[in-house]
Amino acid sequence: MTDSNLDEFVSAILNNTRREILKCLTLDESYALQISRLVGISQQAVIKQLDLLERANLIESVGTFPSELGASRKIYRPRGFSTLVADYSRNFIDIKKYEIPVNDKKQETTEKSGLQELLHSLTKINDDIENLMEMRSKLISEKDQILASLHDFIITSVNDRFARELLLDYVDTLDFKAVSEDNGVPEDYLRSLVKTYLN
């Protein structure tokens, strides 16, 4: 999944203050003054951070309520829940954001056995995620090795610099259309290069 606001998203979640604000909002909808008391910074600073979070599509305004002290206060809640995956290897760098589907149905229980079952399910899910990430790391390592071989072949075998750059872009993305558009060449030309050198 591509995201035109990826830089804003990454910048937003890397900031500790903005993460604290997000944590507050995941517990309950709130407004700037209340958040400033919880986070321990000025209301003006919170308003600035809320604006950045809203531009990054991590929160949204859901209305206002009147205040005895002056203007109405904007109420915010979190949105745009997602998983961010960043790969930094010897032969490629890739950052992708995947949307997390929101299911508002809660598994509510007050029975002790029910709570134990929820904790067991949570532990299993955490283990499953960890296992998936370990498998993913192995696949990323394999991808890195394959790209290293392809890069070496292209660099040593393709004399024309422009053709070489096109082929390097292609093996990094495997996307004929995107590489053609980014470099201003016909897609058929790129396909012919791939057929000539890599097939």
N, C-alpha and C. Protein backbone atom coordinates (compact mmCIF):
# COMPACT_ATOMS: atom_id res chain seq x y z
N MET A 1 0.85 -1.19 0.00
CA MET A 1 0.00 0.00 0.00
C MET A 1 0.89 1.24 0.00
N THR A 2 0.59 2.19 -0.86
CA THR A 2 1.32 3.44 -0.87
C THR A 2 0.50 4.49 -0.13
N ASP A 3 1.19 5.49 0.37
CA ASP A 3 0.51 6.53 1.13
C ASP A 3 1.20 7.84 0.84
N SER A 4 0.45 8.79 0.27
CA SER A 4 1.04 10.08 -0.08
C SER A 4 1.44 10.86 1.16
N ASN A 5 0.87 10.54 2.32
CA ASN A 5 1.20 11.25 3.56
C ASN A 5 2.15 10.45 4.44
N LEU A 6 2.91 9.54 3.83
CA LEU A 6 3.77 8.66 4.62
C LEU A 6 4.79 9.43 5.44
N ASP A 7 5.41 10.46 4.86
CA ASP A 7 6.41 11.23 5.59
C ASP A 7 5.80 11.91 6.82
N GLU A 8 4.60 12.48 6.65
CA GLU A 8 3.92 13.12 7.78
C GLU A 8 3.55 12.10 8.84
N PHE A 9 3.12 10.91 8.39
CA PHE A 9 2.76 9.85 9.32
C PHE A 9 3.97 9.42 10.15
N VAL A 10 5.10 9.17 9.47
CA VAL A 10 6.32 8.73 10.16
C VAL A 10 6.79 9.81 11.13
N SER A 11 6.80 11.05 10.67
CA SER A 11 7.23 12.16 11.53
C SER A 11 6.35 12.27 12.77
N ALA A 12 5.05 12.06 12.59
CA ALA A 12 4.11 12.19 13.70
C ALA A 12 4.34 11.14 14.77
N ILE A 13 4.50 9.88 14.36
CA ILE A 13 4.60 8.83 15.37
C ILE A 13 6.00 8.72 15.96
N LEU A 14 7.00 9.36 15.34
CA LEU A 14 8.34 9.34 15.92
C LEU A 14 8.51 10.34 17.05
N ASN A 15 7.57 11.27 17.17
CA ASN A 15 7.65 12.30 18.20
C ASN A 15 6.98 11.80 19.49
N ASN A 16 7.71 11.82 20.60
CA ASN A 16 7.22 11.27 21.86
C ASN A 16 5.97 12.01 22.36
N THR A 17 5.96 13.33 22.24
CA THR A 17 4.80 14.10 22.71
C THR A 17 3.56 13.74 21.92
N ARG A 18 3.70 13.61 20.60
CA ARG A 18 2.55 13.25 19.77
C ARG A 18 2.06 11.84 20.09
N ARG A 19 3.00 10.94 20.40
CA ARG A 19 2.59 9.58 20.78
C ARG A 19 1.81 9.61 22.10
N GLU A 20 2.23 10.45 23.03
CA GLU A 20 1.50 10.57 24.31
C GLU A 20 0.10 11.10 24.08
N ILE A 21 -0.03 12.06 23.17
CA ILE A 21 -1.36 12.60 22.85
C ILE A 21 -2.23 11.50 22.23
N LEU A 22 -1.66 10.72 21.33
CA LEU A 22 -2.40 9.63 20.71
C LEU A 22 -2.86 8.61 21.75
N LYS A 23 -1.98 8.30 22.72
CA LYS A 23 -2.36 7.37 23.78
C LYS A 23 -3.55 7.89 24.57
N CYS A 24 -3.54 9.18 24.86
CA CYS A 24 -4.67 9.79 25.58
C CYS A 24 -5.96 9.65 24.78
N LEU A 25 -5.87 9.89 23.48
CA LEU A 25 -7.06 9.86 22.65
C LEU A 25 -7.57 8.44 22.40
N THR A 26 -6.69 7.45 22.49
CA THR A 26 -7.17 6.07 22.33
C THR A 26 -7.98 5.64 23.55
N LEU A 27 -7.77 6.30 24.67
CA LEU A 27 -8.55 5.98 25.87
C LEU A 27 -9.90 6.68 25.86
N ASP A 28 -9.93 7.92 25.33
CA ASP A 28 -11.19 8.66 25.30
C ASP A 28 -11.04 9.89 24.41
N GLU A 29 -12.12 10.25 23.73
CA GLU A 29 -12.13 11.51 22.97
C GLU A 29 -11.84 12.66 23.94
N SER A 30 -11.13 13.68 23.43
CA SER A 30 -10.75 14.76 24.35
C SER A 30 -10.52 16.06 23.59
N TYR A 31 -10.19 17.11 24.34
CA TYR A 31 -9.93 18.43 23.76
C TYR A 31 -8.59 18.95 24.28
N ALA A 32 -8.11 20.02 23.67
CA ALA A 32 -6.73 20.48 23.88
C ALA A 32 -6.41 20.75 25.35
N LEU A 33 -7.28 21.47 26.06
CA LEU A 33 -6.98 21.82 27.45
C LEU A 33 -6.86 20.57 28.32
N GLN A 34 -7.77 19.64 28.14
CA GLN A 34 -7.73 18.42 28.92
C GLN A 34 -6.47 17.61 28.60
N ILE A 35 -6.12 17.53 27.31
CA ILE A 35 -4.91 16.80 26.90
C ILE A 35 -3.66 17.46 27.49
N SER A 36 -3.64 18.79 27.51
CA SER A 36 -2.46 19.49 28.03
C SER A 36 -2.24 19.16 29.50
N ARG A 37 -3.31 18.98 30.25
CA ARG A 37 -3.18 18.60 31.66
C ARG A 37 -2.65 17.18 31.81
N LEU A 38 -3.11 16.29 30.92
CA LEU A 38 -2.69 14.89 30.99
C LEU A 38 -1.24 14.69 30.55
N VAL A 39 -0.84 15.43 29.51
CA VAL A 39 0.49 15.25 28.93
C VAL A 39 1.54 16.11 29.64
N GLY A 40 1.08 17.24 30.21
CA GLY A 40 2.00 18.09 30.95
C GLY A 40 2.71 19.14 30.12
N ILE A 41 2.06 19.58 29.03
CA ILE A 41 2.62 20.70 28.24
C ILE A 41 1.52 21.74 28.05
N SER A 42 1.89 22.89 27.54
CA SER A 42 0.93 23.99 27.43
C SER A 42 -0.18 23.66 26.42
N GLN A 43 -1.32 24.32 26.60
CA GLN A 43 -2.43 24.11 25.68
C GLN A 43 -2.04 24.54 24.27
N GLN A 44 -1.28 25.63 24.16
CA GLN A 44 -0.84 26.11 22.84
C GLN A 44 0.03 25.06 22.14
N ALA A 45 0.91 24.41 22.90
CA ALA A 45 1.77 23.37 22.33
C ALA A 45 0.93 22.17 21.89
N VAL A 46 -0.07 21.84 22.70
CA VAL A 46 -0.95 20.72 22.34
C VAL A 46 -1.71 21.01 21.05
N ILE A 47 -2.22 22.23 20.92
CA ILE A 47 -2.96 22.61 19.70
C ILE A 47 -2.08 22.45 18.47
N LYS A 48 -0.82 22.84 18.59
CA LYS A 48 0.12 22.68 17.46
C LYS A 48 0.31 21.20 17.12
N GLN A 49 0.47 20.37 18.15
CA GLN A 49 0.67 18.94 17.92
C GLN A 49 -0.60 18.29 17.35
N LEU A 50 -1.76 18.72 17.82
CA LEU A 50 -3.02 18.20 17.30
C LEU A 50 -3.17 18.52 15.81
N ASP A 51 -2.74 19.70 15.42
CA ASP A 51 -2.81 20.09 14.00
C ASP A 51 -1.93 19.17 13.15
N LEU A 52 -0.73 18.88 13.65
CA LEU A 52 0.18 17.99 12.92
C LEU A 52 -0.39 16.57 12.84
N LEU A 53 -0.97 16.10 13.93
CA LEU A 53 -1.57 14.77 13.93
C LEU A 53 -2.77 14.69 12.98
N GLU A 54 -3.52 15.78 12.91
CA GLU A 54 -4.68 15.80 12.02
C GLU A 54 -4.23 15.79 10.56
N ARG A 55 -3.16 16.54 10.24
CA ARG A 55 -2.64 16.55 8.87
C ARG A 55 -2.06 15.19 8.47
N ALA A 56 -1.58 14.43 9.46
CA ALA A 56 -1.05 13.09 9.19
C ALA A 56 -2.15 12.03 9.18
N ASN A 57 -3.41 12.47 9.30
CA ASN A 57 -4.57 11.56 9.29
C ASN A 57 -4.57 10.57 10.46
N LEU A 58 -3.98 10.97 11.58
CA LEU A 58 -3.96 10.11 12.76
C LEU A 58 -5.07 10.46 13.76
N ILE A 59 -5.64 11.64 13.62
CA ILE A 59 -6.78 12.03 14.46
C ILE A 59 -7.77 12.81 13.60
N GLU A 60 -8.97 13.00 14.14
CA GLU A 60 -9.96 13.82 13.46
C GLU A 60 -10.80 14.57 14.49
N SER A 61 -11.32 15.72 14.07
CA SER A 61 -12.22 16.48 14.92
C SER A 61 -13.63 15.91 14.77
N VAL A 62 -14.31 15.72 15.91
CA VAL A 62 -15.64 15.11 15.87
C VAL A 62 -16.69 16.05 16.45
N GLY A 63 -16.43 17.35 16.40
CA GLY A 63 -17.40 18.32 16.89
C GLY A 63 -16.81 19.20 17.98
N THR A 64 -17.67 20.00 18.56
CA THR A 64 -17.26 20.93 19.62
C THR A 64 -18.26 20.86 20.77
N PHE A 65 -17.81 21.40 21.91
CA PHE A 65 -18.77 21.61 22.99
C PHE A 65 -18.49 22.97 23.61
N PRO A 66 -19.52 23.64 24.10
CA PRO A 66 -19.36 25.01 24.61
C PRO A 66 -18.50 25.06 25.87
N SER A 67 -17.81 26.18 26.03
CA SER A 67 -16.98 26.40 27.22
C SER A 67 -17.41 27.69 27.91
N GLU A 68 -17.45 27.66 29.22
CA GLU A 68 -17.81 28.85 29.99
C GLU A 68 -16.69 29.89 29.94
N LEU A 69 -15.48 29.46 29.55
CA LEU A 69 -14.32 30.36 29.56
C LEU A 69 -14.12 31.09 28.23
N GLY A 70 -14.87 30.72 27.20
CA GLY A 70 -14.66 31.39 25.92
C GLY A 70 -15.20 30.56 24.76
N ALA A 71 -14.38 30.46 23.71
CA ALA A 71 -14.79 29.77 22.50
C ALA A 71 -15.05 28.28 22.75
N SER A 72 -15.86 27.70 21.87
CA SER A 72 -16.14 26.27 21.97
C SER A 72 -14.86 25.47 21.78
N ARG A 73 -14.81 24.30 22.38
CA ARG A 73 -13.62 23.46 22.32
C ARG A 73 -13.82 22.32 21.32
N LYS A 74 -12.83 22.12 20.48
CA LYS A 74 -12.88 21.04 19.51
C LYS A 74 -12.56 19.72 20.19
N ILE A 75 -13.35 18.71 19.86
CA ILE A 75 -13.14 17.37 20.40
C ILE A 75 -12.44 16.53 19.34
N TYR A 76 -11.42 15.78 19.76
CA TYR A 76 -10.65 14.95 18.83
C TYR A 76 -10.74 13.48 19.22
N ARG A 77 -10.61 12.62 18.21
CA ARG A 77 -10.51 11.18 18.44
C ARG A 77 -9.50 10.60 17.46
N PRO A 78 -8.94 9.44 17.77
CA PRO A 78 -7.94 8.83 16.88
C PRO A 78 -8.59 8.23 15.63
N ARG A 79 -7.80 8.10 14.58
CA ARG A 79 -8.25 7.47 13.33
C ARG A 79 -7.02 6.99 12.57
N GLY A 80 -7.23 6.40 11.41
CA GLY A 80 -6.10 6.02 10.55
C GLY A 80 -5.21 4.95 11.16
N PHE A 81 -5.79 3.98 11.84
CA PHE A 81 -4.99 2.95 12.50
C PHE A 81 -4.28 2.11 11.44
N SER A 82 -3.01 1.85 11.67
CA SER A 82 -2.23 1.15 10.65
C SER A 82 -0.97 0.53 11.24
N THR A 83 -0.38 -0.34 10.45
CA THR A 83 0.91 -0.94 10.76
C THR A 83 1.95 -0.36 9.82
N LEU A 84 3.07 0.07 10.37
CA LEU A 84 4.15 0.62 9.57
C LEU A 84 5.30 -0.37 9.56
N VAL A 85 5.74 -0.73 8.35
CA VAL A 85 6.83 -1.70 8.21
C VAL A 85 7.98 -1.03 7.46
N ALA A 86 9.15 -1.02 8.08
CA ALA A 86 10.32 -0.42 7.45
C ALA A 86 11.42 -1.47 7.29
N ASP A 87 11.91 -1.61 6.07
CA ASP A 87 13.00 -2.53 5.79
C ASP A 87 14.23 -1.73 5.38
N TYR A 88 15.33 -1.99 6.03
CA TYR A 88 16.60 -1.33 5.69
C TYR A 88 17.64 -2.43 5.56
N SER A 89 17.96 -2.79 4.31
CA SER A 89 18.93 -3.87 4.08
C SER A 89 20.05 -3.35 3.20
N ARG A 90 21.00 -4.22 2.88
CA ARG A 90 22.14 -3.79 2.06
C ARG A 90 21.72 -3.35 0.67
N ASN A 91 20.65 -3.93 0.14
CA ASN A 91 20.30 -3.70 -1.25
C ASN A 91 18.96 -3.02 -1.48
N PHE A 92 18.23 -2.71 -0.43
CA PHE A 92 16.99 -1.96 -0.63
C PHE A 92 16.52 -1.35 0.68
N ILE A 93 15.77 -0.27 0.53
CA ILE A 93 15.10 0.40 1.64
C ILE A 93 13.63 0.51 1.25
N ASP A 94 12.74 0.10 2.12
CA ASP A 94 11.33 0.13 1.78
C ASP A 94 10.51 0.42 3.04
N ILE A 95 9.57 1.33 2.92
CA ILE A 95 8.66 1.64 4.03
C ILE A 95 7.24 1.54 3.50
N LYS A 96 6.42 0.74 4.17
CA LYS A 96 5.03 0.59 3.75
C LYS A 96 4.11 0.70 4.95
N LYS A 97 2.92 1.21 4.67
CA LYS A 97 1.90 1.35 5.70
C LYS A 97 0.69 0.51 5.30
N TYR A 98 0.24 -0.33 6.23
CA TYR A 98 -0.90 -1.19 5.98
C TYR A 98 -2.02 -0.82 6.95
N GLU A 99 -3.20 -0.61 6.40
CA GLU A 99 -4.35 -0.23 7.23
C GLU A 99 -4.77 -1.39 8.14
N ILE A 100 -5.09 -1.06 9.37
CA ILE A 100 -5.63 -2.04 10.31
C ILE A 100 -7.15 -1.88 10.33
N PRO A 101 -7.88 -2.91 9.91
CA PRO A 101 -9.35 -2.80 9.94
C PRO A 101 -9.84 -2.59 11.37
N VAL A 102 -10.78 -1.69 11.53
CA VAL A 102 -11.31 -1.37 12.86
C VAL A 102 -12.59 -2.16 13.09
N ASN A 103 -12.60 -2.92 14.17
CA ASN A 103 -13.79 -3.66 14.59
C ASN A 103 -14.19 -3.14 15.95
N ASP A 104 -15.32 -2.44 16.01
CA ASP A 104 -15.75 -1.81 17.26
C ASP A 104 -16.39 -2.78 18.24
N LYS A 105 -16.58 -4.02 17.81
CA LYS A 105 -17.20 -5.01 18.70
C LYS A 105 -16.18 -5.47 19.74
N LYS A 106 -16.49 -5.27 21.01
CA LYS A 106 -15.59 -5.67 22.09
C LYS A 106 -16.02 -7.01 22.67
N GLN A 107 -15.02 -7.76 23.09
CA GLN A 107 -15.31 -9.04 23.75
C GLN A 107 -15.39 -8.77 25.26
N GLU A 108 -16.57 -8.35 25.68
CA GLU A 108 -16.75 -7.95 27.08
C GLU A 108 -17.10 -9.16 27.95
N THR A 109 -16.51 -9.19 29.11
CA THR A 109 -16.82 -10.25 30.07
C THR A 109 -16.43 -9.78 31.47
N THR A 110 -17.16 -10.25 32.44
CA THR A 110 -16.81 -9.96 33.83
C THR A 110 -16.47 -11.24 34.57
N GLU A 111 -16.68 -12.38 33.90
CA GLU A 111 -16.36 -13.67 34.52
C GLU A 111 -14.85 -13.89 34.51
N LYS A 112 -14.33 -14.42 35.60
CA LYS A 112 -12.89 -14.65 35.69
C LYS A 112 -12.41 -15.60 34.60
N SER A 113 -13.20 -16.66 34.33
CA SER A 113 -12.81 -17.60 33.29
C SER A 113 -12.76 -16.93 31.93
N GLY A 114 -13.70 -15.98 31.70
CA GLY A 114 -13.71 -15.24 30.44
C GLY A 114 -12.50 -14.34 30.31
N LEU A 115 -12.09 -13.71 31.40
CA LEU A 115 -10.91 -12.85 31.38
C LEU A 115 -9.65 -13.67 31.11
N GLN A 116 -9.57 -14.85 31.72
CA GLN A 116 -8.43 -15.72 31.50
C GLN A 116 -8.35 -16.16 30.03
N GLU A 117 -9.52 -16.40 29.44
CA GLU A 117 -9.57 -16.79 28.03
C GLU A 117 -9.08 -15.66 27.14
N LEU A 118 -9.48 -14.43 27.47
CA LEU A 118 -9.02 -13.27 26.71
C LEU A 118 -7.50 -13.11 26.81
N LEU A 119 -6.96 -13.28 28.01
CA LEU A 119 -5.51 -13.18 28.20
C LEU A 119 -4.78 -14.27 27.42
N HIS A 120 -5.34 -15.48 27.42
CA HIS A 120 -4.75 -16.59 26.66
C HIS A 120 -4.75 -16.26 25.16
N SER A 121 -5.87 -15.74 24.67
CA SER A 121 -5.97 -15.37 23.25
C SER A 121 -4.97 -14.28 22.90
N LEU A 122 -4.82 -13.29 23.80
CA LEU A 122 -3.87 -12.21 23.56
C LEU A 122 -2.44 -12.73 23.50
N THR A 123 -2.09 -13.64 24.41
CA THR A 123 -0.76 -14.23 24.41
C THR A 123 -0.49 -14.99 23.12
N LYS A 124 -1.48 -15.75 22.65
CA LYS A 124 -1.33 -16.52 21.42
C LYS A 124 -1.16 -15.60 20.22
N ILE A 125 -1.95 -14.53 20.17
CA ILE A 125 -1.83 -13.58 19.06
C ILE A 125 -0.45 -12.94 19.05
N ASN A 126 0.05 -12.54 20.23
CA ASN A 126 1.39 -11.96 20.30
C ASN A 126 2.45 -12.94 19.82
N ASP A 127 2.31 -14.21 20.20
CA ASP A 127 3.25 -15.24 19.74
C ASP A 127 3.17 -15.42 18.23
N ASP A 128 1.94 -15.44 17.69
CA ASP A 128 1.76 -15.59 16.24
C ASP A 128 2.40 -14.44 15.48
N ILE A 129 2.21 -13.22 15.99
CA ILE A 129 2.81 -12.04 15.34
C ILE A 129 4.33 -12.15 15.36
N GLU A 130 4.88 -12.56 16.49
CA GLU A 130 6.33 -12.69 16.61
C GLU A 130 6.86 -13.74 15.63
N ASN A 131 6.16 -14.85 15.49
CA ASN A 131 6.57 -15.89 14.55
C ASN A 131 6.51 -15.40 13.11
N LEU A 132 5.46 -14.63 12.80
CA LEU A 132 5.34 -14.07 11.45
C LEU A 132 6.49 -13.10 11.16
N MET A 133 6.86 -12.31 12.15
CA MET A 133 7.94 -11.35 11.96
C MET A 133 9.29 -12.06 11.77
N GLU A 134 9.49 -13.16 12.49
CA GLU A 134 10.72 -13.94 12.30
C GLU A 134 10.78 -14.53 10.89
N MET A 135 9.64 -15.07 10.42
CA MET A 135 9.58 -15.59 9.06
C MET A 135 9.80 -14.47 8.04
N ARG A 136 9.21 -13.30 8.33
CA ARG A 136 9.36 -12.16 7.43
C ARG A 136 10.83 -11.73 7.33
N SER A 137 11.52 -11.73 8.45
CA SER A 137 12.94 -11.36 8.45
C SER A 137 13.77 -12.30 7.58
N LYS A 138 13.44 -13.59 7.64
CA LYS A 138 14.15 -14.56 6.80
C LYS A 138 13.88 -14.30 5.32
N LEU A 139 12.62 -14.00 4.98
CA LEU A 139 12.27 -13.71 3.59
C LEU A 139 12.95 -12.43 3.11
N ILE A 140 13.01 -11.42 3.98
CA ILE A 140 13.68 -10.17 3.61
C ILE A 140 15.16 -10.42 3.35
N SER A 141 15.78 -11.30 4.14
CA SER A 141 17.18 -11.65 3.93
C SER A 141 17.38 -12.33 2.57
N GLU A 142 16.45 -13.23 2.22
CA GLU A 142 16.52 -13.90 0.92
C GLU A 142 16.33 -12.89 -0.21
N LYS A 143 15.38 -11.97 -0.03
CA LYS A 143 15.15 -10.93 -1.03
C LYS A 143 16.42 -10.10 -1.22
N ASP A 144 17.08 -9.77 -0.14
CA ASP A 144 18.30 -8.97 -0.20
C ASP A 144 19.39 -9.69 -0.99
N GLN A 145 19.53 -10.98 -0.78
CA GLN A 145 20.55 -11.76 -1.50
C GLN A 145 20.24 -11.82 -3.00
N ILE A 146 18.95 -12.02 -3.34
CA ILE A 146 18.56 -12.06 -4.75
C ILE A 146 18.82 -10.72 -5.41
N LEU A 147 18.44 -9.63 -4.74
CA LEU A 147 18.68 -8.30 -5.31
C LEU A 147 20.17 -8.03 -5.48
N ALA A 148 20.99 -8.50 -4.55
CA ALA A 148 22.44 -8.31 -4.67
C ALA A 148 22.94 -8.96 -5.95
N SER A 149 22.48 -10.17 -6.23
CA SER A 149 22.90 -10.88 -7.44
C SER A 149 22.43 -10.16 -8.70
N LEU A 150 21.16 -9.72 -8.69
CA LEU A 150 20.62 -9.01 -9.85
C LEU A 150 21.34 -7.69 -10.07
N HIS A 151 21.58 -6.94 -9.00
CA HIS A 151 22.29 -5.67 -9.11
C HIS A 151 23.69 -5.89 -9.70
N ASP A 152 24.41 -6.88 -9.18
CA ASP A 152 25.76 -7.16 -9.67
C ASP A 152 25.75 -7.50 -11.15
N PHE A 153 24.78 -8.34 -11.56
CA PHE A 153 24.70 -8.72 -12.97
C PHE A 153 24.44 -7.52 -13.86
N ILE A 154 23.48 -6.69 -13.46
CA ILE A 154 23.13 -5.52 -14.29
C ILE A 154 24.29 -4.54 -14.38
N ILE A 155 24.94 -4.28 -13.26
CA ILE A 155 26.05 -3.31 -13.23
C ILE A 155 27.22 -3.78 -14.09
N THR A 156 27.50 -5.07 -14.08
CA THR A 156 28.65 -5.60 -14.83
C THR A 156 28.32 -5.94 -16.28
N SER A 157 27.04 -6.12 -16.60
CA SER A 157 26.68 -6.61 -17.94
C SER A 157 26.05 -5.57 -18.85
N VAL A 158 25.49 -4.51 -18.29
CA VAL A 158 24.80 -3.51 -19.11
C VAL A 158 25.68 -2.27 -19.21
N ASN A 159 26.17 -2.01 -20.43
CA ASN A 159 27.10 -0.90 -20.62
C ASN A 159 26.41 0.46 -20.69
N ASP A 160 25.22 0.49 -21.29
CA ASP A 160 24.51 1.75 -21.43
C ASP A 160 24.00 2.21 -20.06
N ARG A 161 24.40 3.41 -19.65
CA ARG A 161 24.08 3.88 -18.30
C ARG A 161 22.57 4.02 -18.07
N PHE A 162 21.88 4.59 -19.05
CA PHE A 162 20.43 4.81 -18.88
C PHE A 162 19.70 3.48 -18.79
N ALA A 163 20.05 2.55 -19.66
CA ALA A 163 19.43 1.22 -19.63
C ALA A 163 19.72 0.53 -18.30
N ARG A 164 20.94 0.72 -17.81
CA ARG A 164 21.33 0.11 -16.53
C ARG A 164 20.47 0.66 -15.39
N GLU A 165 20.26 1.97 -15.37
CA GLU A 165 19.45 2.58 -14.32
C GLU A 165 17.99 2.12 -14.39
N LEU A 166 17.48 2.00 -15.61
CA LEU A 166 16.11 1.51 -15.78
C LEU A 166 15.96 0.09 -15.25
N LEU A 167 16.91 -0.75 -15.58
CA LEU A 167 16.85 -2.13 -15.13
C LEU A 167 17.00 -2.25 -13.62
N LEU A 168 17.87 -1.43 -13.04
CA LEU A 168 18.02 -1.43 -11.58
C LEU A 168 16.73 -0.99 -10.91
N ASP A 169 16.09 0.05 -11.47
CA ASP A 169 14.80 0.49 -10.93
C ASP A 169 13.76 -0.61 -11.04
N TYR A 170 13.77 -1.31 -12.17
CA TYR A 170 12.77 -2.34 -12.39
C TYR A 170 12.92 -3.49 -11.39
N VAL A 171 14.14 -4.00 -11.22
CA VAL A 171 14.29 -5.14 -10.30
C VAL A 171 13.99 -4.74 -8.86
N ASP A 172 14.14 -3.47 -8.54
CA ASP A 172 13.81 -3.01 -7.19
C ASP A 172 12.30 -2.95 -6.95
N THR A 173 11.52 -2.73 -8.03
CA THR A 173 10.07 -2.55 -7.87
C THR A 173 9.23 -3.64 -8.54
N LEU A 174 9.77 -4.24 -9.62
CA LEU A 174 9.03 -5.19 -10.45
C LEU A 174 7.73 -4.58 -10.97
N ASP A 175 7.78 -3.26 -11.24
CA ASP A 175 6.59 -2.54 -11.68
C ASP A 175 6.91 -1.80 -12.98
N PHE A 176 6.53 -2.38 -14.11
CA PHE A 176 6.82 -1.78 -15.41
C PHE A 176 6.23 -0.38 -15.53
N LYS A 177 4.97 -0.24 -15.15
CA LYS A 177 4.28 1.03 -15.32
C LYS A 177 4.93 2.15 -14.51
N ALA A 178 5.20 1.89 -13.24
CA ALA A 178 5.77 2.93 -12.37
C ALA A 178 7.16 3.35 -12.84
N VAL A 179 8.00 2.39 -13.19
CA VAL A 179 9.36 2.71 -13.65
C VAL A 179 9.32 3.49 -14.96
N SER A 180 8.42 3.10 -15.86
CA SER A 180 8.29 3.79 -17.14
C SER A 180 7.86 5.24 -16.94
N GLU A 181 6.85 5.43 -16.08
CA GLU A 181 6.36 6.79 -15.82
C GLU A 181 7.40 7.64 -15.11
N ASP A 182 8.08 7.07 -14.12
CA ASP A 182 9.08 7.83 -13.37
C ASP A 182 10.25 8.28 -14.24
N ASN A 183 10.58 7.47 -15.26
CA ASN A 183 11.74 7.78 -16.10
C ASN A 183 11.38 8.35 -17.47
N GLY A 184 10.08 8.47 -17.74
CA GLY A 184 9.63 9.07 -18.99
C GLY A 184 9.96 8.25 -20.22
N VAL A 185 9.82 6.93 -20.10
CA VAL A 185 10.08 6.06 -21.26
C VAL A 185 8.84 5.20 -21.51
N PRO A 186 8.65 4.76 -22.77
CA PRO A 186 7.52 3.88 -23.04
C PRO A 186 7.66 2.55 -22.30
N GLU A 187 6.54 2.02 -21.87
CA GLU A 187 6.58 0.75 -21.14
C GLU A 187 7.11 -0.37 -22.02
N ASP A 188 6.80 -0.31 -23.32
CA ASP A 188 7.28 -1.35 -24.25
C ASP A 188 8.81 -1.36 -24.31
N TYR A 189 9.41 -0.16 -24.25
CA TYR A 189 10.87 -0.07 -24.29
C TYR A 189 11.49 -0.74 -23.06
N LEU A 190 10.90 -0.49 -21.89
CA LEU A 190 11.40 -1.12 -20.67
C LEU A 190 11.23 -2.63 -20.75
N ARG A 191 10.09 -3.08 -21.23
CA ARG A 191 9.87 -4.51 -21.35
C ARG A 191 10.89 -5.16 -22.28
N SER A 192 11.25 -4.44 -23.35
CA SER A 192 12.25 -5.00 -24.28
C SER A 192 13.62 -5.09 -23.62
N LEU A 193 13.94 -4.12 -22.77
CA LEU A 193 15.23 -4.17 -22.05
C LEU A 193 15.26 -5.36 -21.10
N VAL A 194 14.17 -5.55 -20.38
CA VAL A 194 14.10 -6.67 -19.44
C VAL A 194 14.22 -8.01 -20.20
N LYS A 195 13.54 -8.07 -21.34
CA LYS A 195 13.59 -9.32 -22.14
C LYS A 195 15.00 -9.56 -22.67
N THR A 196 15.67 -8.49 -23.06
CA THR A 196 17.01 -8.62 -23.63
C THR A 196 18.03 -9.05 -22.59
N TYR A 197 17.99 -8.43 -21.41
CA TYR A 197 19.06 -8.65 -20.43
C TYR A 197 18.71 -9.65 -19.33
N LEU A 198 17.41 -9.78 -18.99
CA LEU A 198 17.07 -10.55 -17.80
C LEU A 198 16.26 -11.82 -18.09
N ASN A 199 15.86 -12.03 -19.34
CA ASN A 199 15.09 -13.25 -19.65
C ASN A 199 15.99 -14.29 -20.31
